[in-house]
Each structure stands twice: as C-alpha cells, then as structure tokens.
C-alpha atoms as a PDB file:
ATOM      1  CA  MET A   1      17.306  27.416   5.941  1.00  0.00           C
ATOM      2  CA  LYS A   2      17.195  23.807   4.712  1.00  0.00           C
ATOM      3  CA  ARG A   3      14.727  23.341   1.854  1.00  0.00           C
ATOM      4  CA  ALA A   4      13.530  20.113   0.243  1.00  0.00           C
ATOM      5  CA  VAL A   5      11.285  19.099  -2.624  1.00  0.00           C
ATOM      6  CA  VAL A   6       9.879  15.589  -2.195  1.00  0.00           C
ATOM      7  CA  LEU A   7       9.077  13.811  -5.448  1.00  0.00           C
ATOM      8  CA  PHE A   8       5.799  12.263  -4.342  1.00  0.00           C
ATOM      9  CA  SER A   9       4.308   9.390  -6.338  1.00  0.00           C
ATOM     10  CA  GLY A  10       1.928   8.229  -3.635  1.00  0.00           C
ATOM     11  CA  GLY A  11       3.507   4.906  -2.600  1.00  0.00           C
ATOM     12  CA  LEU A  12       5.260   3.603   0.490  1.00  0.00           C
ATOM     13  CA  ASP A  13       8.640   4.917  -0.582  1.00  0.00           C
ATOM     14  CA  SER A  14       7.667   8.518  -1.266  1.00  0.00           C
ATOM     15  CA  THR A  15       5.403   8.535   1.801  1.00  0.00           C
ATOM     16  CA  ALA A  16       8.335   7.498   3.981  1.00  0.00           C
ATOM     17  CA  CYS A  17      10.440  10.195   2.303  1.00  0.00           C
ATOM     18  CA  LEU A  18       7.787  12.827   2.995  1.00  0.00           C
ATOM     19  CA  TYR A  19       7.576  12.020   6.711  1.00  0.00           C
ATOM     20  CA  TRP A  20      11.386  11.833   6.901  1.00  0.00           C
ATOM     21  CA  ALA A  21      11.812  15.189   5.156  1.00  0.00           C
ATOM     22  CA  LYS A  22       9.236  16.822   7.408  1.00  0.00           C
ATOM     23  CA  GLY A  23      11.460  15.987  10.364  1.00  0.00           C
ATOM     24  CA  ASN A  24      14.752  16.970   8.736  1.00  0.00           C
ATOM     25  CA  TYR A  25      14.095  20.193   6.777  1.00  0.00           C
ATOM     26  CA  ASP A  26      12.845  23.660   7.598  1.00  0.00           C
ATOM     27  CA  GLU A  27      10.818  23.938   4.392  1.00  0.00           C
ATOM     28  CA  VAL A  28       9.277  21.006   2.535  1.00  0.00           C
ATOM     29  CA  ILE A  29       7.383  21.078  -0.778  1.00  0.00           C
ATOM     30  CA  MET A  30       5.613  18.085  -2.306  1.00  0.00           C
ATOM     31  CA  LEU A  31       5.902  17.706  -6.076  1.00  0.00           C
ATOM     32  CA  THR A  32       3.640  15.248  -7.910  1.00  0.00           C
ATOM     33  CA  VAL A  33       4.035  14.827 -11.659  1.00  0.00           C
ATOM     34  CA  ASN A  34       1.159  13.622 -13.860  1.00  0.00           C
ATOM     35  CA  TYR A  35       1.848  11.883 -17.162  1.00  0.00           C
ATOM     36  CA  GLY A  36      -1.346   9.958 -17.879  1.00  0.00           C
ATOM     37  CA  SER A  37      -0.603   6.894 -15.749  1.00  0.00           C
ATOM     38  CA  ASN A  38      -3.399   4.499 -14.814  1.00  0.00           C
ATOM     39  CA  GLU A  39      -3.234   5.481 -11.135  1.00  0.00           C
ATOM     40  CA  GLU A  40      -2.998   9.241 -11.702  1.00  0.00           C
ATOM     41  CA  ARG A  41      -6.314  10.301 -10.156  1.00  0.00           C
ATOM     42  CA  VAL A  42      -5.683   8.106  -7.118  1.00  0.00           C
ATOM     43  CA  THR A  43      -2.140   9.455  -6.768  1.00  0.00           C
ATOM     44  CA  ASN A  44      -3.368  13.052  -6.828  1.00  0.00           C
ATOM     45  CA  ARG A  45      -5.963  12.410  -4.128  1.00  0.00           C
ATOM     46  CA  VAL A  46      -3.349  10.618  -1.999  1.00  0.00           C
ATOM     47  CA  ALA A  47      -0.985  13.561  -2.445  1.00  0.00           C
ATOM     48  CA  GLU A  48      -3.714  15.970  -1.362  1.00  0.00           C
ATOM     49  CA  PHE A  49      -4.395  13.836   1.732  1.00  0.00           C
ATOM     50  CA  PHE A  50      -0.779  13.861   2.889  1.00  0.00           C
ATOM     51  CA  SER A  51      -0.386  17.537   2.019  1.00  0.00           C
ATOM     52  CA  LYS A  52      -3.171  18.325   4.480  1.00  0.00           C
ATOM     53  CA  GLU A  53      -2.101  15.679   7.007  1.00  0.00           C
ATOM     54  CA  LEU A  54       1.444  17.036   7.286  1.00  0.00           C
ATOM     55  CA  ASN A  55       0.692  20.660   6.379  1.00  0.00           C
ATOM     56  CA  VAL A  56       3.061  20.585   3.410  1.00  0.00           C
ATOM     57  CA  PRO A  57       2.375  22.627   0.243  1.00  0.00           C
ATOM     58  CA  LEU A  58       1.729  20.535  -2.862  1.00  0.00           C
ATOM     59  CA  LYS A  59       2.467  21.254  -6.516  1.00  0.00           C
ATOM     60  CA  ILE A  60       0.937  18.996  -9.178  1.00  0.00           C
ATOM     61  CA  ILE A  61       2.466  19.358 -12.627  1.00  0.00           C
ATOM     62  CA  ARG A  62       1.287  17.679 -15.832  1.00  0.00           C
ATOM     63  CA  LEU A  63       3.752  16.603 -18.506  1.00  0.00           C
ATOM     64  CA  ASP A  64       1.803  15.775 -21.657  1.00  0.00           C
ATOM     65  CA  PHE A  65       4.947  14.923 -23.585  1.00  0.00           C
ATOM     66  CA  LEU A  66       5.846  12.167 -21.105  1.00  0.00           C
ATOM     67  CA  GLU A  67       2.411  10.620 -21.600  1.00  0.00           C
ATOM     68  CA  GLU A  68       2.922  10.759 -25.375  1.00  0.00           C
ATOM     69  CA  PHE A  69       6.373   9.173 -25.152  1.00  0.00           C
ATOM     70  CA  SER A  70       5.106   6.483 -22.739  1.00  0.00           C
ATOM     71  CA  LYS A  71       2.412   5.486 -25.212  1.00  0.00           C
ATOM     72  CA  LEU A  72       5.003   5.515 -27.977  1.00  0.00           C
ATOM     73  CA  ARG A  73       7.091   3.044 -25.999  1.00  0.00           C
ATOM     74  CA  GLY A  74       4.060   0.967 -25.046  1.00  0.00           C
ATOM     75  CA  THR A  75       4.446   1.045 -21.273  1.00  0.00           C
ATOM     76  CA  THR A  76       1.572  -0.714 -19.503  1.00  0.00           C
ATOM     77  CA  LEU A  77       1.472   2.036 -16.850  1.00  0.00           C
ATOM     78  CA  VAL A  78      -0.156   4.395 -19.342  1.00  0.00           C
ATOM     79  CA  GLY A  79      -3.368   3.021 -20.770  1.00  0.00           C
ATOM     80  CA  GLY A  80      -2.322  -0.620 -20.557  1.00  0.00           C
ATOM     81  CA  GLU A  81      -2.858  -3.654 -18.342  1.00  0.00           C
ATOM     82  CA  THR A  82       0.020  -4.379 -15.957  1.00  0.00           C
ATOM     83  CA  PRO A  83       1.101  -8.005 -15.379  1.00  0.00           C
ATOM     84  CA  LYS A  84      -0.306 -10.032 -12.471  1.00  0.00           C
ATOM     85  CA  VAL A  85       2.432 -11.591 -10.337  1.00  0.00           C
ATOM     86  CA  THR A  86       3.116 -13.556  -7.174  1.00  0.00           C
ATOM     87  CA  GLY A  87       5.932 -13.168  -4.669  1.00  0.00           C
ATOM     88  CA  LYS A  88       7.432 -16.466  -5.832  1.00  0.00           C
ATOM     89  CA  GLU A  89       7.634 -15.190  -9.407  1.00  0.00           C
ATOM     90  CA  LEU A  90       9.396 -12.017  -8.274  1.00  0.00           C
ATOM     91  CA  GLU A  91      12.150 -14.146  -6.734  1.00  0.00           C
ATOM     92  CA  ASP A  92      13.067 -15.078 -10.305  1.00  0.00           C
ATOM     93  CA  MET A  93      15.303 -12.169 -11.324  1.00  0.00           C
ATOM     94  CA  SER A  94      14.755 -12.654 -15.048  1.00  0.00           C
ATOM     95  CA  PHE A  95      10.982 -12.563 -14.503  1.00  0.00           C
ATOM     96  CA  ALA A  96      11.274  -9.458 -12.292  1.00  0.00           C
ATOM     97  CA  GLN A  97      13.373  -7.711 -14.934  1.00  0.00           C
ATOM     98  CA  GLU A  98      10.755  -8.451 -17.604  1.00  0.00           C
ATOM     99  CA  THR A  99       7.933  -7.018 -15.470  1.00  0.00           C
ATOM    100  CA  ALA A 100      10.098  -3.959 -14.808  1.00  0.00           C
ATOM    101  CA  LYS A 101      10.521  -3.431 -18.543  1.00  0.00           C
ATOM    102  CA  SER A 102       6.758  -3.594 -19.073  1.00  0.00           C
ATOM    103  CA  VAL A 103       6.109  -0.684 -16.679  1.00  0.00           C
ATOM    104  CA  TRP A 104       9.126   1.404 -17.695  1.00  0.00           C
ATOM    105  CA  VAL A 105       8.281   5.045 -18.388  1.00  0.00           C
ATOM    106  CA  PRO A 106      11.002   6.431 -20.698  1.00  0.00           C
ATOM    107  CA  ALA A 107      13.617   8.358 -18.700  1.00  0.00           C
ATOM    108  CA  ARG A 108      10.993   9.160 -16.038  1.00  0.00           C
ATOM    109  CA  ASN A 109      13.338   9.727 -13.111  1.00  0.00           C
ATOM    110  CA  VAL A 110      15.665  11.821 -15.257  1.00  0.00           C
ATOM    111  CA  VAL A 111      12.721  14.014 -16.250  1.00  0.00           C
ATOM    112  CA  LEU A 112      11.235  14.239 -12.738  1.00  0.00           C
ATOM    113  CA  ILE A 113      14.546  15.175 -11.167  1.00  0.00           C
ATOM    114  CA  ALA A 114      15.051  17.835 -13.831  1.00  0.00           C
ATOM    115  CA  VAL A 115      11.620  19.329 -13.037  1.00  0.00           C
ATOM    116  CA  ALA A 116      12.329  19.344  -9.285  1.00  0.00           C
ATOM    117  CA  ALA A 117      15.775  20.834  -9.919  1.00  0.00           C
ATOM    118  CA  SER A 118      14.256  23.645 -11.947  1.00  0.00           C
ATOM    119  CA  LEU A 119      11.896  24.482  -9.084  1.00  0.00           C
ATOM    120  CA  LEU A 120      14.676  24.453  -6.505  1.00  0.00           C
ATOM    121  CA  ASP A 121      17.004  26.449  -8.751  1.00  0.00           C
ATOM    122  CA  ALA A 122      14.293  29.101  -8.953  1.00  0.00           C
ATOM    123  CA  LEU A 123      13.852  29.111  -5.169  1.00  0.00           C
ATOM    124  CA  GLY A 124      17.551  29.389  -4.402  1.00  0.00           C
ATOM    125  CA  GLY A 125      18.582  25.761  -3.969  1.00  0.00           C
ATOM    126  CA  GLY A 126      17.825  22.740  -1.832  1.00  0.00           C
ATOM    127  CA  ASP A 127      17.542  18.957  -1.868  1.00  0.00           C
ATOM    128  CA  ILE A 128      15.427  16.728  -4.109  1.00  0.00           C
ATOM    129  CA  ILE A 129      14.164  13.850  -1.958  1.00  0.00           C
ATOM    130  CA  VAL A 130      13.589  10.621  -3.877  1.00  0.00           C
ATOM    131  CA  GLY A 131      12.318   7.200  -2.785  1.00  0.00           C
ATOM    132  CA  PHE A 132      14.956   5.115  -4.551  1.00  0.00           C
ATOM    133  CA  ASN A 133      15.644   1.901  -2.621  1.00  0.00           C
ATOM    134  CA  ALA A 134      17.717  -1.268  -2.763  1.00  0.00           C
ATOM    135  CA  GLU A 135      14.842  -3.600  -3.670  1.00  0.00           C
ATOM    136  CA  GLU A 136      13.727  -1.655  -6.729  1.00  0.00           C
ATOM    137  CA  GLY A 137      17.325  -0.797  -7.565  1.00  0.00           C
ATOM    138  CA  ALA A 138      17.850  -4.483  -8.328  1.00  0.00           C
ATOM    139  CA  THR A 139      15.539  -4.220 -11.356  1.00  0.00           C
ATOM    140  CA  PHE A 140      15.313  -0.484 -12.116  1.00  0.00           C
ATOM    141  CA  PRO A 141      18.684   1.102 -13.028  1.00  0.00           C
ATOM    142  CA  ASP A 142      17.373   4.583 -12.164  1.00  0.00           C
ATOM    143  CA  ASN A 143      16.936   3.562  -8.505  1.00  0.00           C
ATOM    144  CA  THR A 144      20.604   2.889  -7.822  1.00  0.00           C
ATOM    145  CA  PRO A 145      23.347   4.771  -5.914  1.00  0.00           C
ATOM    146  CA  GLU A 146      25.205   5.118  -9.213  1.00  0.00           C
ATOM    147  CA  PHE A 147      22.234   6.909 -10.761  1.00  0.00           C
ATOM    148  CA  VAL A 148      22.038   9.328  -7.817  1.00  0.00           C
ATOM    149  CA  GLU A 149      25.761  10.017  -8.085  1.00  0.00           C
ATOM    150  CA  LYS A 150      25.570  10.772 -11.804  1.00  0.00           C
ATOM    151  CA  MET A 151      22.478  12.967 -11.420  1.00  0.00           C
ATOM    152  CA  ASN A 152      24.230  15.004  -8.736  1.00  0.00           C
ATOM    153  CA  GLU A 153      27.242  15.401 -10.992  1.00  0.00           C
ATOM    154  CA  MET A 154      24.918  16.730 -13.702  1.00  0.00           C
ATOM    155  CA  LEU A 155      23.188  19.121 -11.277  1.00  0.00           C
ATOM    156  CA  ARG A 156      26.521  20.712 -10.326  1.00  0.00           C
ATOM    157  CA  TYR A 157      26.726  21.937 -13.913  1.00  0.00           C
ATOM    158  CA  GLY A 158      23.026  22.326 -14.685  1.00  0.00           C
ATOM    159  CA  THR A 159      21.913  24.645 -11.873  1.00  0.00           C
ATOM    160  CA  LEU A 160      23.196  27.981 -10.597  1.00  0.00           C
ATOM    161  CA  SER A 161      21.837  27.312  -7.107  1.00  0.00           C
ATOM    162  CA  GLU A 162      23.096  24.411  -4.977  1.00  0.00           C
ATOM    163  CA  VAL A 163      20.744  21.538  -5.804  1.00  0.00           C
ATOM    164  CA  ARG A 164      21.321  17.870  -5.072  1.00  0.00           C
ATOM    165  CA  VAL A 165      19.459  14.549  -5.024  1.00  0.00           C
ATOM    166  CA  VAL A 166      19.083  12.868  -1.620  1.00  0.00           C
ATOM    167  CA  ALA A 167      17.891   9.260  -1.395  1.00  0.00           C
ATOM    168  CA  PRO A 168      17.319   8.413   2.286  1.00  0.00           C
ATOM    169  CA  LEU A 169      16.030   4.892   1.500  1.00  0.00           C
ATOM    170  CA  ILE A 170      18.775   3.895  -0.916  1.00  0.00           C
ATOM    171  CA  ASN A 171      20.090   1.025   1.242  1.00  0.00           C
ATOM    172  CA  LEU A 172      16.686  -0.240   2.407  1.00  0.00           C
ATOM    173  CA  ASP A 173      14.413  -2.930   1.002  1.00  0.00           C
ATOM    174  CA  LYS A 174      10.620  -2.803   1.401  1.00  0.00           C
ATOM    175  CA  LYS A 175      10.891  -4.511   4.781  1.00  0.00           C
ATOM    176  CA  GLY A 176      13.222  -1.790   6.015  1.00  0.00           C
ATOM    177  CA  ILE A 177      10.965   0.925   4.583  1.00  0.00           C
ATOM    178  CA  ALA A 178       7.999  -0.605   6.425  1.00  0.00           C
ATOM    179  CA  LYS A 179       9.952  -0.401   9.693  1.00  0.00           C
ATOM    180  CA  LEU A 180      10.820   3.237   9.009  1.00  0.00           C
ATOM    181  CA  LEU A 181       7.174   4.066   8.296  1.00  0.00           C
ATOM    182  CA  LYS A 182       6.213   2.579  11.650  1.00  0.00           C
ATOM    183  CA  GLU A 183       8.957   4.551  13.416  1.00  0.00           C
ATOM    184  CA  LEU A 184       7.686   7.741  11.764  1.00  0.00           C
ATOM    185  CA  ASN A 185       4.088   6.895  12.737  1.00  0.00           C
ATOM    186  CA  ALA A 186       3.069   7.296   9.098  1.00  0.00           C
ATOM    187  CA  LYS A 187      -0.490   6.660   7.936  1.00  0.00           C
ATOM    188  CA  TYR A 188       0.732   4.356   5.187  1.00  0.00           C
ATOM    189  CA  GLU A 189      -2.734   2.855   4.619  1.00  0.00           C
ATOM    190  CA  TYR A 190      -3.663   6.117   2.865  1.00  0.00           C
ATOM    191  CA  SER A 191      -0.795   5.752   0.380  1.00  0.00           C
ATOM    192  CA  ASN A 192      -1.106   3.971  -2.962  1.00  0.00           C
ATOM    193  CA  SER A 193       1.410   1.593  -4.511  1.00  0.00           C
ATOM    194  CA  CYS A 194      -0.965  -0.085  -6.978  1.00  0.00           C
ATOM    195  CA  TYR A 195      -0.493   0.183 -10.733  1.00  0.00           C
ATOM    196  CA  MET A 196      -4.227  -0.447 -11.301  1.00  0.00           C
ATOM    197  CA  PRO A 197      -6.084   0.868  -8.200  1.00  0.00           C
ATOM    198  CA  LYS A 198      -9.807   0.236  -7.800  1.00  0.00           C
ATOM    199  CA  GLY A 199     -10.790   3.559  -6.232  1.00  0.00           C
ATOM    200  CA  PHE A 200     -11.236   4.404  -2.555  1.00  0.00           C
ATOM    201  CA  THR A 201     -12.980   3.138   0.536  1.00  0.00           C
ATOM    202  CA  GLU A 202     -15.553   5.366   2.216  1.00  0.00           C
ATOM    203  CA  ASP A 203     -12.905   6.631   4.636  1.00  0.00           C
ATOM    204  CA  GLY A 204     -10.469   7.533   1.859  1.00  0.00           C
ATOM    205  CA  LYS A 205      -8.086   4.572   1.714  1.00  0.00           C
ATOM    206  CA  PRO A 206      -6.998   3.508  -1.791  1.00  0.00           C
ATOM    207  CA  ILE A 207      -8.201   0.075  -2.877  1.00  0.00           C
ATOM    208  CA  HIS A 208      -5.226  -1.861  -4.268  1.00  0.00           C
ATOM    209  CA  CYS A 209      -5.690  -4.582  -6.882  1.00  0.00           C
ATOM    210  CA  GLY A 210      -3.426  -6.947  -4.912  1.00  0.00           C
ATOM    211  CA  GLU A 211      -2.136  -8.630  -8.058  1.00  0.00           C
ATOM    212  CA  CYS A 212       0.425  -6.286  -9.657  1.00  0.00           C
ATOM    213  CA  GLU A 213       4.133  -6.351  -8.846  1.00  0.00           C
ATOM    214  CA  SER A 214       3.923  -3.189  -6.762  1.00  0.00           C
ATOM    215  CA  CYS A 215       1.091  -4.561  -4.591  1.00  0.00           C
ATOM    216  CA  VAL A 216       2.958  -7.814  -3.963  1.00  0.00           C
ATOM    217  CA  ARG A 217       6.167  -5.999  -2.989  1.00  0.00           C
ATOM    218  CA  ARG A 218       4.184  -3.667  -0.716  1.00  0.00           C
ATOM    219  CA  HIS A 219       2.328  -6.453   1.089  1.00  0.00           C
ATOM    220  CA  ARG A 220       5.420  -8.619   1.495  1.00  0.00           C
ATOM    221  CA  GLY A 221       7.466  -5.723   2.848  1.00  0.00           C
ATOM    222  CA  LEU A 222       4.838  -4.687   5.394  1.00  0.00           C
ATOM    223  CA  ILE A 223       4.198  -8.237   6.641  1.00  0.00           C
ATOM    224  CA  GLU A 224       7.893  -9.105   6.894  1.00  0.00           C
ATOM    225  CA  GLY A 225       8.870  -5.707   8.276  1.00  0.00           C
ATOM    226  CA  ILE A 226       6.220  -4.907  10.875  1.00  0.00           C
ATOM    227  CA  GLY A 227       3.951  -7.960  10.922  1.00  0.00           C
ATOM    228  CA  GLU A 228       0.852  -6.136   9.713  1.00  0.00           C
ATOM    229  CA  ASP A 229      -0.630  -4.533   6.617  1.00  0.00           C
ATOM    230  CA  ARG A 230      -3.509  -2.070   6.987  1.00  0.00           C
ATOM    231  CA  THR A 231      -3.727  -1.625   3.193  1.00  0.00           C
ATOM    232  CA  VAL A 232      -7.059  -2.385   1.522  1.00  0.00           C
ATOM    233  CA  TYR A 233      -6.754  -4.952  -1.310  1.00  0.00           C
ATOM    234  CA  ALA A 234      -9.385  -6.160  -3.768  1.00  0.00           C
ATOM    235  CA  VAL A 235      -7.519  -9.489  -3.849  1.00  0.00           C
ATOM    236  CA  GLU A 236      -5.116 -10.684  -1.161  1.00  0.00           C
ATOM    237  CA  PRO A 237      -1.561 -10.545  -2.609  1.00  0.00           C
ATOM    238  CA  LYS A 238       0.246 -13.866  -2.980  1.00  0.00           C
ATOM    239  CA  ILE A 239       3.613 -13.474  -1.278  1.00  0.00           C
END
C-alpha cells in the first residue's frame, strides 16, 4: 500500500500536492503545522475544508518552539507586518531575495519534514509530499532539488522505515501550478496564500490582502496560467 503525508500549508502549492496525492496514493494524510504565524487560523480552517472536501484525515500539530525561534529571528510572518510588493518589484532578484529573508522561518522545512518523517516512520514508511517549486526555489534555498536530495539522504539514516521526500511541483513555476490545479479540478479559491489574510467571505473563501509577495505571485500565476483568478482579494494585486 502506497502511503503519503502531505505537508499542507493552505496555499496553491500544497493544495495542488493534496489533489495530486489523492490520485496517486492509497492512503493520504494531511499534516498542518502551527507555529504562531499571522495566517494560522485561516490556514487551519482551509485545511479543515480540504480535509472534508477530499475525505482525507487531517493532523494539526503545534510547535511552540518554532514560534519562539521565529520571534527571536524577527520574521515578519510571526507577529510582524510583511512587505507590500508589486510584480515589477519581484522581477528584481535582489529585491525578491530581501523579501524572502523577511519572511524566513528558521529551518522551517527541515523541521516540518522531520515531523512528517517521524509520523511516517511510526506508521511503517511512506512519502512526504511537499509543494517545493521552481519559482520559490529561486529565492528560498529550501525549495530546491538539491535540498530534497540532501533531505532524502538524511532520511535514509534517520528512519528505520522507508521514508522519502517527494516534490511533484519541483520543476513548475506558479503558472504551471495553476494549470495543474485546473487539470485536477481543484477548488483553489478556498486555499490561502496570503501572509496577512483578512478573514473569510460568507461562503468560506479566504480574503487575501492582495499586497504581499505571496498574493502577487498567486495572482500572476493564475492569470498567466489559466486566464482567471477566482481568489477574493481586499486589494487587486499589481502584477
């Protein structure tokens, strides 16, 4: 039996991974990790929506130490105000790298993969599905093929069961992910990419700020990829 744990953060990438895993594994478990981020309550509600929508069991785990370390580092994702950006600014690689640094949660993907690996090791093995992709890999070193390779090397020694990281989106940008979401008939408008979400609409769609880096990348990818964006924004993103 093929088993997978999807690291679900609520955005386009992990939503695409969830739908993809549902079609490629016999058993799928969603794992959402809380660490005090600004969007945490929205993320949890989004996770609960997709858990019911796809009939996939959900585990939500809180890591207080990661919240403490994030505050120690001063990441804007935990209790701070994330930068407002435009698509034109994100074309400037030095600017994009600076915004990436501002939202960096210390060793987050290392920690999250370790948590998922522990769960799978206890269950007898399986794959950790992550939403790493080419667009974010350009600014986040823990979204790259090299990172996946090194984590899998570590897991060969760190688990007794056969556990590995699988990154189905690793060669895709946001435009390609948007196309995949359409192919999978995913209800992406119920996902949340925003660093500073404004709550929910009456029918349960997250309200995105439209001004943070993640909102701009989301909107640009959906428009360029499938020619539409059903996301609700407080402010129209400038792409």
